[in-house]
Amino acid sequence: MPKGGRLVVETENVDIDEDYCRLHTYYVRPGSYVLLSVSDTGMGMDAATIDRIFEPFFTTKEIGKGTGLGLATVLES
C-alpha cells in the first residue's frame, strides 16, 4: 500500500462439516481448522496479478527491490 492504509490479520477456529465439503470444489476433510483472514484498505490488484497470486515465488517487486512469496497454500494429503 504505497499511499498507506490498514492491514488486518485475523484468526478464527472453525468446524467444517460434510455439507460444506460437498459444496466446495477444493479438497478438504470435515474437522476443526484455523481460518486465517487477511484484508486491507489498499487499491487492490489488477487482473494479471490476481491470476498469479497462488504461484509460490510470484512477486510484483522490481528486480533488486526484494523478493516475495505468493499466497502459497498447503493441503494435507
PDB file of N, CA and C in Angstrom:
ATOM      1  N   MET A   1       0.852  -1.169   0.000  1.00  0.00           N
ATOM      2  CA  MET A   1       0.000   0.000   0.000  1.00  0.00           C
ATOM      3  C   MET A   1       0.903   1.238   0.000  1.00  0.00           C
ATOM      4  N   PRO A   2       1.342   1.643  -1.175  1.00  0.00           N
ATOM      5  CA  PRO A   2       2.289   2.758  -1.284  1.00  0.00           C
ATOM      6  C   PRO A   2       1.808   4.050  -0.636  1.00  0.00           C
ATOM      7  N   LYS A   3       0.499   4.264  -0.604  1.00  0.00           N
ATOM      8  CA  LYS A   3      -0.024   5.502  -0.020  1.00  0.00           C
ATOM      9  C   LYS A   3      -0.590   5.283   1.379  1.00  0.00           C
ATOM     10  N   GLY A   4      -0.218   4.143   1.998  1.00  0.00           N
ATOM     11  CA  GLY A   4      -0.706   3.848   3.343  1.00  0.00           C
ATOM     12  C   GLY A   4      -2.027   3.119   3.313  1.00  0.00           C
ATOM     13  N   GLY A   5      -2.489   2.780   4.467  1.00  0.00           N
ATOM     14  CA  GLY A   5      -3.749   2.064   4.587  1.00  0.00           C
ATOM     15  C   GLY A   5      -3.756   1.207   5.836  1.00  0.00           C
ATOM     16  N   ARG A   6      -4.684   0.331   5.902  1.00  0.00           N
ATOM     17  CA  ARG A   6      -4.845  -0.517   7.077  1.00  0.00           C
ATOM     18  C   ARG A   6      -4.767  -1.981   6.645  1.00  0.00           C
ATOM     19  N   LEU A   7      -3.935  -2.766   7.335  1.00  0.00           N
ATOM     20  CA  LEU A   7      -3.791  -4.192   7.098  1.00  0.00           C
ATOM     21  C   LEU A   7      -4.345  -4.920   8.315  1.00  0.00           C
ATOM     22  N   VAL A   8      -5.287  -5.848   8.107  1.00  0.00           N
ATOM     23  CA  VAL A   8      -5.918  -6.582   9.202  1.00  0.00           C
ATOM     24  C   VAL A   8      -5.664  -8.073   8.999  1.00  0.00           C
ATOM     25  N   VAL A   9      -5.103  -8.716  10.027  1.00  0.00           N
ATOM     26  CA  VAL A   9      -4.887 -10.157  10.026  1.00  0.00           C
ATOM     27  C   VAL A   9      -5.723 -10.730  11.164  1.00  0.00           C
ATOM     28  N   GLU A  10      -6.592 -11.693  10.843  1.00  0.00           N
ATOM     29  CA  GLU A  10      -7.481 -12.277  11.848  1.00  0.00           C
ATOM     30  C   GLU A  10      -7.388 -13.797  11.796  1.00  0.00           C
ATOM     31  N   THR A  11      -7.556 -14.428  12.949  1.00  0.00           N
ATOM     32  CA  THR A  11      -7.655 -15.883  13.011  1.00  0.00           C
ATOM     33  C   THR A  11      -8.943 -16.250  13.732  1.00  0.00           C
ATOM     34  N   GLU A  12      -9.451 -17.433  13.391  1.00  0.00           N
ATOM     35  CA  GLU A  12     -10.701 -17.901  13.991  1.00  0.00           C
ATOM     36  C   GLU A  12     -10.719 -19.428  13.936  1.00  0.00           C
ATOM     37  N   ASN A  13     -11.192 -20.061  14.986  1.00  0.00           N
ATOM     38  CA  ASN A  13     -11.395 -21.510  14.974  1.00  0.00           C
ATOM     39  C   ASN A  13     -12.717 -21.799  14.268  1.00  0.00           C
ATOM     40  N   VAL A  14     -12.681 -22.747  13.306  1.00  0.00           N
ATOM     41  CA  VAL A  14     -13.892 -23.105  12.576  1.00  0.00           C
ATOM     42  C   VAL A  14     -14.027 -24.623  12.501  1.00  0.00           C
ATOM     43  N   ASP A  15     -15.260 -25.084  12.427  1.00  0.00           N
ATOM     44  CA  ASP A  15     -15.548 -26.502  12.224  1.00  0.00           C
ATOM     45  C   ASP A  15     -16.172 -26.657  10.844  1.00  0.00           C
ATOM     46  N   ILE A  16     -15.531 -27.473  10.017  1.00  0.00           N
ATOM     47  CA  ILE A  16     -16.004 -27.727   8.661  1.00  0.00           C
ATOM     48  C   ILE A  16     -16.792 -29.037   8.682  1.00  0.00           C
ATOM     49  N   ASP A  17     -18.036 -28.982   8.208  1.00  0.00           N
ATOM     50  CA  ASP A  17     -18.857 -30.199   8.202  1.00  0.00           C
ATOM     51  C   ASP A  17     -18.926 -30.798   6.797  1.00  0.00           C
ATOM     52  N   GLU A  18     -19.532 -31.962   6.684  1.00  0.00           N
ATOM     53  CA  GLU A  18     -19.608 -32.668   5.405  1.00  0.00           C
ATOM     54  C   GLU A  18     -20.389 -31.878   4.358  1.00  0.00           C
ATOM     55  N   ASP A  19     -21.434 -31.159   4.770  1.00  0.00           N
ATOM     56  CA  ASP A  19     -22.208 -30.347   3.822  1.00  0.00           C
ATOM     57  C   ASP A  19     -21.331 -29.281   3.173  1.00  0.00           C
ATOM     58  N   TYR A  20     -20.512 -28.609   3.975  1.00  0.00           N
ATOM     59  CA  TYR A  20     -19.600 -27.589   3.454  1.00  0.00           C
ATOM     60  C   TYR A  20     -18.629 -28.218   2.453  1.00  0.00           C
ATOM     61  N   CYS A  21     -18.096 -29.379   2.806  1.00  0.00           N
ATOM     62  CA  CYS A  21     -17.135 -30.059   1.937  1.00  0.00           C
ATOM     63  C   CYS A  21     -17.758 -30.405   0.586  1.00  0.00           C
ATOM     64  N   ARG A  22     -19.004 -30.815   0.576  1.00  0.00           N
ATOM     65  CA  ARG A  22     -19.689 -31.169  -0.672  1.00  0.00           C
ATOM     66  C   ARG A  22     -19.931 -29.947  -1.564  1.00  0.00           C
ATOM     67  N   LEU A  23     -20.095 -28.774  -0.968  1.00  0.00           N
ATOM     68  CA  LEU A  23     -20.415 -27.565  -1.729  1.00  0.00           C
ATOM     69  C   LEU A  23     -19.201 -26.888  -2.366  1.00  0.00           C
ATOM     70  N   HIS A  24     -17.999 -27.251  -1.944  1.00  0.00           N
ATOM     71  CA  HIS A  24     -16.797 -26.576  -2.426  1.00  0.00           C
ATOM     72  C   HIS A  24     -15.950 -27.513  -3.269  1.00  0.00           C
ATOM     73  N   THR A  25     -15.315 -26.951  -4.303  1.00  0.00           N
ATOM     74  CA  THR A  25     -14.607 -27.773  -5.272  1.00  0.00           C
ATOM     75  C   THR A  25     -13.215 -28.197  -4.827  1.00  0.00           C
ATOM     76  N   TYR A  26     -12.618 -27.513  -3.873  1.00  0.00           N
ATOM     77  CA  TYR A  26     -11.287 -27.913  -3.428  1.00  0.00           C
ATOM     78  C   TYR A  26     -11.391 -29.046  -2.410  1.00  0.00           C
ATOM     79  N   TYR A  27     -10.313 -29.771  -2.260  1.00  0.00           N
ATOM     80  CA  TYR A  27     -10.317 -30.934  -1.376  1.00  0.00           C
ATOM     81  C   TYR A  27     -10.145 -30.500   0.076  1.00  0.00           C
ATOM     82  N   VAL A  28     -11.087 -30.850   0.906  1.00  0.00           N
ATOM     83  CA  VAL A  28     -10.998 -30.591   2.347  1.00  0.00           C
ATOM     84  C   VAL A  28     -11.783 -31.678   3.061  1.00  0.00           C
ATOM     85  N   ARG A  29     -11.293 -32.064   4.206  1.00  0.00           N
ATOM     86  CA  ARG A  29     -11.984 -33.066   5.020  1.00  0.00           C
ATOM     87  C   ARG A  29     -12.738 -32.361   6.138  1.00  0.00           C
ATOM     88  N   PRO A  30     -13.845 -32.927   6.576  1.00  0.00           N
ATOM     89  CA  PRO A  30     -14.547 -32.352   7.731  1.00  0.00           C
ATOM     90  C   PRO A  30     -13.626 -32.358   8.953  1.00  0.00           C
ATOM     91  N   GLY A  31     -13.781 -31.354   9.792  1.00  0.00           N
ATOM     92  CA  GLY A  31     -12.983 -31.300  11.020  1.00  0.00           C
ATOM     93  C   GLY A  31     -12.805 -29.881  11.516  1.00  0.00           C
ATOM     94  N   SER A  32     -11.938 -29.730  12.502  1.00  0.00           N
ATOM     95  CA  SER A  32     -11.635 -28.423  13.096  1.00  0.00           C
ATOM     96  C   SER A  32     -10.414 -27.826  12.413  1.00  0.00           C
ATOM     97  N   TYR A  33     -10.515 -26.536  12.073  1.00  0.00           N
ATOM     98  CA  TYR A  33      -9.453 -25.829  11.378  1.00  0.00           C
ATOM     99  C   TYR A  33      -9.270 -24.446  11.991  1.00  0.00           C
ATOM    100  N   VAL A  34      -8.154 -23.811  11.643  1.00  0.00           N
ATOM    101  CA  VAL A  34      -7.941 -22.406  11.955  1.00  0.00           C
ATOM    102  C   VAL A  34      -8.089 -21.641  10.647  1.00  0.00           C
ATOM    103  N   LEU A  35      -8.981 -20.661  10.642  1.00  0.00           N
ATOM    104  CA  LEU A  35      -9.212 -19.812   9.478  1.00  0.00           C
ATOM    105  C   LEU A  35      -8.330 -18.574   9.605  1.00  0.00           C
ATOM    106  N   LEU A  36      -7.549 -18.293   8.587  1.00  0.00           N
ATOM    107  CA  LEU A  36      -6.706 -17.109   8.545  1.00  0.00           C
ATOM    108  C   LEU A  36      -7.288 -16.159   7.510  1.00  0.00           C
ATOM    109  N   SER A  37      -7.623 -14.942   7.931  1.00  0.00           N
ATOM    110  CA  SER A  37      -8.185 -13.931   7.027  1.00  0.00           C
ATOM    111  C   SER A  37      -7.258 -12.726   7.008  1.00  0.00           C
ATOM    112  N   VAL A  38      -6.998 -12.223   5.826  1.00  0.00           N
ATOM    113  CA  VAL A  38      -6.163 -11.032   5.653  1.00  0.00           C
ATOM    114  C   VAL A  38      -6.925 -10.065   4.768  1.00  0.00           C
ATOM    115  N   SER A  39      -7.040  -8.832   5.203  1.00  0.00           N
ATOM    116  CA  SER A  39      -7.702  -7.812   4.395  1.00  0.00           C
ATOM    117  C   SER A  39      -6.943  -6.502   4.525  1.00  0.00           C
ATOM    118  N   ASP A  40      -7.164  -5.614   3.575  1.00  0.00           N
ATOM    119  CA  ASP A  40      -6.522  -4.304   3.646  1.00  0.00           C
ATOM    120  C   ASP A  40      -7.386  -3.257   2.961  1.00  0.00           C
ATOM    121  N   THR A  41      -7.003  -2.017   3.121  1.00  0.00           N
ATOM    122  CA  THR A  41      -7.728  -0.913   2.501  1.00  0.00           C
ATOM    123  C   THR A  41      -6.945  -0.351   1.326  1.00  0.00           C
ATOM    124  N   GLY A  42      -6.077  -1.170   0.746  1.00  0.00           N
ATOM    125  CA  GLY A  42      -5.265  -0.741  -0.392  1.00  0.00           C
ATOM    126  C   GLY A  42      -6.089  -0.599  -1.652  1.00  0.00           C
ATOM    127  N   MET A  43      -5.387  -0.334  -2.769  1.00  0.00           N
ATOM    128  CA  MET A  43      -6.063  -0.056  -4.030  1.00  0.00           C
ATOM    129  C   MET A  43      -6.468  -1.305  -4.789  1.00  0.00           C
ATOM    130  N   GLY A  44      -6.106  -2.485  -4.314  1.00  0.00           N
ATOM    131  CA  GLY A  44      -6.488  -3.726  -4.976  1.00  0.00           C
ATOM    132  C   GLY A  44      -5.440  -4.194  -5.966  1.00  0.00           C
ATOM    133  N   MET A  45      -5.760  -5.268  -6.667  1.00  0.00           N
ATOM    134  CA  MET A  45      -4.837  -5.864  -7.632  1.00  0.00           C
ATOM    135  C   MET A  45      -5.469  -5.862  -9.012  1.00  0.00           C
ATOM    136  N   ASP A  46      -4.615  -5.744 -10.026  1.00  0.00           N
ATOM    137  CA  ASP A  46      -5.132  -5.840 -11.387  1.00  0.00           C
ATOM    138  C   ASP A  46      -5.355  -7.313 -11.744  1.00  0.00           C
ATOM    139  N   ALA A  47      -6.032  -7.567 -12.840  1.00  0.00           N
ATOM    140  CA  ALA A  47      -6.395  -8.934 -13.231  1.00  0.00           C
ATOM    141  C   ALA A  47      -5.163  -9.815 -13.450  1.00  0.00           C
ATOM    142  N   ALA A  48      -4.098  -9.271 -14.026  1.00  0.00           N
ATOM    143  CA  ALA A  48      -2.888 -10.057 -14.275  1.00  0.00           C
ATOM    144  C   ALA A  48      -2.254 -10.530 -12.968  1.00  0.00           C
ATOM    145  N   THR A  49      -2.286  -9.701 -11.947  1.00  0.00           N
ATOM    146  CA  THR A  49      -1.740 -10.081 -10.646  1.00  0.00           C
ATOM    147  C   THR A  49      -2.631 -11.122  -9.983  1.00  0.00           C
ATOM    148  N   ILE A  50      -3.929 -10.918 -10.007  1.00  0.00           N
ATOM    149  CA  ILE A  50      -4.867 -11.873  -9.408  1.00  0.00           C
ATOM    150  C   ILE A  50      -4.686 -13.261 -10.012  1.00  0.00           C
ATOM    151  N   ASP A  51      -4.437 -13.333 -11.322  1.00  0.00           N
ATOM    152  CA  ASP A  51      -4.249 -14.623 -11.994  1.00  0.00           C
ATOM    153  C   ASP A  51      -3.038 -15.394 -11.477  1.00  0.00           C
ATOM    154  N   ARG A  52      -2.084 -14.709 -10.825  1.00  0.00           N
ATOM    155  CA  ARG A  52      -0.837 -15.367 -10.419  1.00  0.00           C
ATOM    156  C   ARG A  52      -0.619 -15.420  -8.905  1.00  0.00           C
ATOM    157  N   ILE A  53      -1.571 -14.977  -8.089  1.00  0.00           N
ATOM    158  CA  ILE A  53      -1.302 -14.831  -6.654  1.00  0.00           C
ATOM    159  C   ILE A  53      -0.990 -16.130  -5.924  1.00  0.00           C
ATOM    160  N   PHE A  54      -1.364 -17.284  -6.466  1.00  0.00           N
ATOM    161  CA  PHE A  54      -1.071 -18.528  -5.788  1.00  0.00           C
ATOM    162  C   PHE A  54       0.205 -19.201  -6.292  1.00  0.00           C
ATOM    163  N   GLU A  55       0.951 -18.548  -7.178  1.00  0.00           N
ATOM    164  CA  GLU A  55       2.251 -19.069  -7.598  1.00  0.00           C
ATOM    165  C   GLU A  55       3.240 -18.818  -6.453  1.00  0.00           C
ATOM    166  N   PRO A  56       3.934 -19.859  -6.001  1.00  0.00           N
ATOM    167  CA  PRO A  56       4.736 -19.721  -4.776  1.00  0.00           C
ATOM    168  C   PRO A  56       5.842 -18.667  -4.818  1.00  0.00           C
ATOM    169  N   PHE A  57       6.420 -18.356  -5.960  1.00  0.00           N
ATOM    170  CA  PHE A  57       7.512 -17.378  -5.997  1.00  0.00           C
ATOM    171  C   PHE A  57       7.165 -16.138  -6.812  1.00  0.00           C
ATOM    172  N   PHE A  58       5.883 -15.895  -7.006  1.00  0.00           N
ATOM    173  CA  PHE A  58       5.439 -14.715  -7.740  1.00  0.00           C
ATOM    174  C   PHE A  58       5.668 -13.457  -6.917  1.00  0.00           C
ATOM    175  N   THR A  59       6.136 -12.408  -7.563  1.00  0.00           N
ATOM    176  CA  THR A  59       6.307 -11.113  -6.910  1.00  0.00           C
ATOM    177  C   THR A  59       5.995 -10.002  -7.900  1.00  0.00           C
ATOM    178  N   THR A  60       5.538  -8.889  -7.403  1.00  0.00           N
ATOM    179  CA  THR A  60       5.309  -7.713  -8.242  1.00  0.00           C
ATOM    180  C   THR A  60       6.451  -6.705  -8.053  1.00  0.00           C
ATOM    181  N   LYS A  61       7.441  -7.060  -7.249  1.00  0.00           N
ATOM    182  CA  LYS A  61       8.556  -6.148  -6.975  1.00  0.00           C
ATOM    183  C   LYS A  61       9.538  -6.136  -8.139  1.00  0.00           C
ATOM    184  N   GLU A  62      10.158  -4.993  -8.356  1.00  0.00           N
ATOM    185  CA  GLU A  62      11.153  -4.844  -9.409  1.00  0.00           C
ATOM    186  C   GLU A  62      12.418  -5.607  -9.031  1.00  0.00           C
ATOM    187  N   ILE A  63      13.193  -5.985 -10.043  1.00  0.00           N
ATOM    188  CA  ILE A  63      14.469  -6.658  -9.798  1.00  0.00           C
ATOM    189  C   ILE A  63      15.335  -5.760  -8.924  1.00  0.00           C
ATOM    190  N   GLY A  64      15.904  -6.339  -7.883  1.00  0.00           N
ATOM    191  CA  GLY A  64      16.752  -5.584  -6.964  1.00  0.00           C
ATOM    192  C   GLY A  64      15.995  -4.909  -5.833  1.00  0.00           C
ATOM    193  N   LYS A  65      14.674  -5.005  -5.820  1.00  0.00           N
ATOM    194  CA  LYS A  65      13.854  -4.354  -4.789  1.00  0.00           C
ATOM    195  C   LYS A  65      13.328  -5.357  -3.767  1.00  0.00           C
ATOM    196  N   GLY A  66      13.881  -6.567  -3.754  1.00  0.00           N
ATOM    197  CA  GLY A  66      13.434  -7.580  -2.795  1.00  0.00           C
ATOM    198  C   GLY A  66      12.754  -8.727  -3.496  1.00  0.00           C
ATOM    199  N   THR A  67      12.302  -9.655  -2.702  1.00  0.00           N
ATOM    200  CA  THR A  67      11.611 -10.816  -3.250  1.00  0.00           C
ATOM    201  C   THR A  67      10.267 -10.949  -2.574  1.00  0.00           C
ATOM    202  N   GLY A  68       9.455 -11.812  -3.088  1.00  0.00           N
ATOM    203  CA  GLY A  68       8.152 -12.016  -2.478  1.00  0.00           C
ATOM    204  C   GLY A  68       7.716 -13.449  -2.646  1.00  0.00           C
ATOM    205  N   LEU A  69       6.829 -13.861  -1.804  1.00  0.00           N
ATOM    206  CA  LEU A  69       6.202 -15.154  -1.951  1.00  0.00           C
ATOM    207  C   LEU A  69       4.747 -14.911  -2.242  1.00  0.00           C
ATOM    208  N   GLY A  70       4.206 -15.645  -3.194  1.00  0.00           N
ATOM    209  CA  GLY A  70       2.777 -15.552  -3.475  1.00  0.00           C
ATOM    210  C   GLY A  70       1.995 -16.117  -2.313  1.00  0.00           C
ATOM    211  N   LEU A  71       0.719 -16.172  -2.453  1.00  0.00           N
ATOM    212  CA  LEU A  71      -0.136 -16.719  -1.413  1.00  0.00           C
ATOM    213  C   LEU A  71      -0.090 -18.241  -1.491  1.00  0.00           C
ATOM    214  N   ALA A  72       1.065 -18.794  -1.164  1.00  0.00           N
ATOM    215  CA  ALA A  72       1.256 -20.240  -1.228  1.00  0.00           C
ATOM    216  C   ALA A  72       0.264 -20.928  -0.309  1.00  0.00           C
ATOM    217  N   THR A  73      -0.234 -22.066  -0.747  1.00  0.00           N
ATOM    218  CA  THR A  73      -1.207 -22.802   0.043  1.00  0.00           C
ATOM    219  C   THR A  73      -0.712 -24.203   0.331  1.00  0.00           C
ATOM    220  N   VAL A  74      -1.200 -24.789   1.402  1.00  0.00           N
ATOM    221  CA  VAL A  74      -0.811 -26.140   1.780  1.00  0.00           C
ATOM    222  C   VAL A  74      -2.078 -26.929   2.033  1.00  0.00           C
ATOM    223  N   LEU A  75      -2.147 -28.131   1.480  1.00  0.00           N
ATOM    224  CA  LEU A  75      -3.250 -29.046   1.735  1.00  0.00           C
ATOM    225  C   LEU A  75      -2.689 -30.311   2.350  1.00  0.00           C
ATOM    226  N   GLU A  76      -3.345 -30.802   3.354  1.00  0.00           N
ATOM    227  CA  GLU A  76      -2.947 -32.077   3.939  1.00  0.00           C
ATOM    228  C   GLU A  76      -3.334 -33.168   2.953  1.00  0.00           C
ATOM    229  N   SER A  77      -2.429 -34.089   2.738  1.00  0.00           N
ATOM    230  CA  SER A  77      -2.752 -35.184   1.798  1.00  0.00           C
ATOM    231  C   SER A  77      -3.080 -36.459   2.527  1.00  0.00           C
TER     232      SER A  77
END
